Amino acid sequence: MMSGWPDLDPIAIIVLALVTVQRLAEIMYARFNEVRLKQAGAIEHGASHYPLIVALHAAWLAGLWLLASGTHPHYGWLAAFVLLQGMRAWVLFALGPRWTTRIIVPPGKPPVSSGPYRFLSHPNYAVVAAEIFVLPMAFGLVTYAVVFSLLNAAVLAVRIRAENAALRGSEAAPPSPIRN
């Protein structure tokens, strides 16, 4: 290995690469859904805080690449992260074409109440909060996990208020015509 280059752990690289690919695929799926929802008259809410969410998640993942790529993961924490991916998939399937990374609400349609939404108002945020803590823990990054969990909690406090208000408004609003 060249002097000055960190020792990379192959399992860490695989895990981080898979998480990165997953997040990029989700962004593409979300964008596809956003376009379709807006074409059908859905309205975006809370857009002003969206850049904070993007910055937080990008910094979290970039930091993991910098700090964890040379660390062999703890398999117990990694197993917990894998279980969270099953919960993430459950959320995505429950929301279907309404899943996005933004708050986009189709007027006149009630909030989704199937799948994990039978048990929690915001299961996706619960999964994301757990992921933000669990994956760094898999690499022994305790302080990193706590700091990003606290930052995420602050952003989610704003996000959940905006989403709840948008969902309450969608139940009362009549359906709007399709806009281009």
Protein backbone atom coordinates (compact mmCIF):
# COMPACT_ATOMS: atom_id res chain seq x y z
CA MET A 1 0.00 0.00 0.00
CA MET A 2 1.21 3.52 -0.79
CA SER A 3 2.44 5.69 2.03
CA GLY A 4 -0.16 8.25 3.09
CA TRP A 5 -3.11 6.17 1.86
CA PRO A 6 -5.42 4.82 4.54
CA ASP A 7 -5.88 1.11 4.96
CA LEU A 8 -9.32 0.37 3.53
CA ASP A 9 -11.53 -2.37 4.91
CA PRO A 10 -13.22 -4.29 2.07
CA ILE A 11 -16.40 -4.95 4.08
CA ALA A 12 -16.64 -1.27 5.03
CA ILE A 13 -16.21 -0.25 1.40
CA ILE A 14 -18.92 -2.69 0.28
CA VAL A 15 -21.33 -1.49 2.98
CA LEU A 16 -20.73 2.18 2.23
CA ALA A 17 -20.98 1.60 -1.51
CA LEU A 18 -24.29 -0.24 -1.11
CA VAL A 19 -25.71 2.52 1.10
CA THR A 20 -24.55 5.16 -1.40
CA VAL A 21 -26.12 3.32 -4.34
CA GLN A 22 -29.32 2.80 -2.34
CA ARG A 23 -29.56 6.51 -1.53
CA LEU A 24 -28.92 7.52 -5.16
CA ALA A 25 -31.57 5.06 -6.38
CA GLU A 26 -34.03 6.45 -3.83
CA ILE A 27 -33.35 9.99 -5.04
CA MET A 28 -34.14 8.90 -8.60
CA TYR A 29 -37.32 7.11 -7.49
CA ALA A 30 -38.37 10.13 -5.42
CA ARG A 31 -37.78 12.49 -8.34
CA PHE A 32 -39.89 10.26 -10.62
CA ASN A 33 -42.70 10.28 -8.06
CA GLU A 34 -42.40 14.04 -7.49
CA VAL A 35 -42.95 14.74 -11.19
CA ARG A 36 -45.95 12.44 -11.38
CA LEU A 37 -47.51 13.81 -8.20
CA LYS A 38 -47.09 17.44 -9.29
CA GLN A 39 -48.53 16.64 -12.72
CA ALA A 40 -51.59 15.27 -10.92
CA GLY A 41 -52.00 18.51 -8.92
CA ALA A 42 -50.09 17.67 -5.75
CA ILE A 43 -48.56 20.57 -3.86
CA GLU A 44 -45.15 20.78 -2.21
CA HIS A 45 -44.97 22.03 1.37
CA GLY A 46 -42.01 22.91 3.57
CA ALA A 47 -39.58 23.37 0.70
CA SER A 48 -37.53 25.95 2.62
CA HIS A 49 -36.05 23.36 5.00
CA TYR A 50 -35.36 20.75 2.30
CA PRO A 51 -31.78 21.96 1.61
CA LEU A 52 -30.97 21.36 5.30
CA ILE A 53 -32.13 17.75 5.00
CA VAL A 54 -30.05 17.23 1.85
CA ALA A 55 -26.98 18.82 3.45
CA LEU A 56 -27.36 16.76 6.63
CA HIS A 57 -27.69 13.45 4.79
CA ALA A 58 -24.89 14.25 2.34
CA ALA A 59 -22.57 15.25 5.20
CA TRP A 60 -23.51 12.10 7.14
CA LEU A 61 -22.69 9.81 4.23
CA ALA A 62 -19.55 11.70 3.15
CA GLY A 63 -18.30 11.65 6.74
CA LEU A 64 -18.84 7.92 6.94
CA TRP A 65 -16.74 7.45 3.80
CA LEU A 66 -13.96 9.50 5.38
CA LEU A 67 -14.09 8.04 8.87
CA ALA A 68 -15.32 4.46 8.44
CA SER A 69 -13.80 3.18 5.19
CA GLY A 70 -10.79 1.80 7.04
CA THR A 71 -12.74 0.24 9.92
CA HIS A 72 -14.05 -3.30 9.96
CA PRO A 73 -17.71 -3.15 10.98
CA HIS A 74 -19.23 -4.74 14.06
CA TYR A 75 -21.59 -7.39 12.69
CA GLY A 76 -24.26 -6.94 15.38
CA TRP A 77 -24.76 -3.28 14.48
CA LEU A 78 -24.55 -4.15 10.80
CA ALA A 79 -27.32 -6.74 11.26
CA ALA A 80 -29.46 -4.05 12.92
CA PHE A 81 -28.86 -1.80 9.91
CA VAL A 82 -29.90 -4.60 7.55
CA LEU A 83 -33.11 -5.08 9.55
CA LEU A 84 -33.80 -1.37 9.18
CA GLN A 85 -33.60 -1.80 5.40
CA GLY A 86 -36.51 -4.21 5.60
CA MET A 87 -38.47 -1.59 7.51
CA ARG A 88 -37.45 1.04 4.94
CA ALA A 89 -38.75 -1.20 2.15
CA TRP A 90 -42.04 -1.66 4.03
CA VAL A 91 -42.44 2.14 4.18
CA LEU A 92 -41.66 2.54 0.47
CA PHE A 93 -44.16 -0.17 -0.49
CA ALA A 94 -46.86 1.33 1.75
CA LEU A 95 -46.45 4.79 0.19
CA GLY A 96 -45.92 3.50 -3.33
CA PRO A 97 -46.03 6.36 -5.85
CA ARG A 98 -46.60 8.87 -3.03
CA TRP A 99 -43.10 8.29 -1.59
CA THR A 100 -40.72 11.21 -2.09
CA THR A 101 -37.94 12.91 -0.18
CA ARG A 102 -40.02 16.10 -0.16
CA ILE A 103 -43.40 16.89 1.37
CA ILE A 104 -45.68 16.62 -1.66
CA VAL A 105 -49.34 16.11 -0.85
CA PRO A 106 -52.11 15.27 -3.31
CA PRO A 107 -55.09 17.48 -2.40
CA GLY A 108 -58.21 15.71 -1.21
CA LYS A 109 -56.49 12.41 -0.52
CA PRO A 110 -56.22 11.10 3.01
CA PRO A 111 -52.81 10.24 4.44
CA VAL A 112 -51.63 6.67 3.91
CA SER A 113 -52.78 4.49 6.79
CA SER A 114 -51.65 1.04 5.68
CA GLY A 115 -48.44 -0.89 6.35
CA PRO A 116 -46.28 0.68 9.06
CA TYR A 117 -48.53 3.77 9.03
CA ARG A 118 -51.04 1.72 11.03
CA PHE A 119 -48.61 1.87 13.95
CA LEU A 120 -46.68 5.13 13.54
CA SER A 121 -47.49 8.51 12.02
CA HIS A 122 -44.02 8.87 10.53
CA PRO A 123 -42.35 5.45 10.22
CA ASN A 124 -39.96 6.63 7.51
CA TYR A 125 -38.49 9.23 9.87
CA ALA A 126 -38.18 6.61 12.60
CA VAL A 127 -36.24 4.36 10.22
CA VAL A 128 -34.00 7.19 9.03
CA ALA A 129 -33.31 8.31 12.60
CA ALA A 130 -32.34 4.76 13.52
CA GLU A 131 -30.12 4.42 10.42
CA ILE A 132 -28.33 7.69 11.19
CA PHE A 133 -27.43 6.25 14.60
CA VAL A 134 -26.91 2.56 13.79
CA LEU A 135 -24.59 2.70 10.77
CA PRO A 136 -21.92 4.85 12.47
CA MET A 137 -22.18 2.58 15.51
CA ALA A 138 -21.33 -0.37 13.23
CA PHE A 139 -17.98 1.35 12.72
CA GLY A 140 -17.47 2.35 16.36
CA LEU A 141 -18.20 6.03 15.67
CA VAL A 142 -20.18 6.72 18.85
CA THR A 143 -19.74 10.51 18.93
CA TYR A 144 -20.52 10.73 15.20
CA ALA A 145 -23.72 8.72 15.71
CA VAL A 146 -24.84 10.94 18.59
CA VAL A 147 -23.99 14.26 16.89
CA PHE A 148 -25.75 13.37 13.63
CA SER A 149 -28.71 11.95 15.55
CA LEU A 150 -29.10 15.26 17.39
CA LEU A 151 -28.78 17.26 14.17
CA ASN A 152 -31.31 14.99 12.49
CA ALA A 153 -33.72 15.38 15.42
CA ALA A 154 -33.53 19.17 15.08
CA VAL A 155 -34.29 19.01 11.34
CA LEU A 156 -37.05 16.45 11.88
CA ALA A 157 -38.74 18.70 14.44
CA VAL A 158 -39.22 21.26 11.66
CA ARG A 159 -39.99 18.65 9.02
CA ILE A 160 -42.64 16.77 10.98
CA ARG A 161 -44.46 19.99 11.92
CA ALA A 162 -44.55 21.00 8.23
CA GLU A 163 -45.67 17.54 7.11
CA ASN A 164 -48.40 17.28 9.74
CA ALA A 165 -49.77 20.70 8.73
CA ALA A 166 -49.68 19.73 5.05
CA LEU A 167 -51.45 16.42 5.70
CA ARG A 168 -54.14 18.09 7.82
CA GLY A 169 -54.74 20.58 5.01
CA SER A 170 -54.96 17.87 2.35
CA GLU A 171 -57.83 16.11 4.08
CA ALA A 172 -59.93 19.30 4.05
CA ALA A 173 -58.99 20.60 0.61
CA PRO A 174 -61.00 19.62 -2.45
CA PRO A 175 -59.10 17.91 -5.26
CA SER A 176 -57.49 20.43 -7.57
CA PRO A 177 -57.35 20.12 -11.36
CA ILE A 178 -54.23 18.69 -12.96
CA ARG A 179 -51.63 21.36 -13.58
CA ASN A 180 -48.73 21.39 -16.01
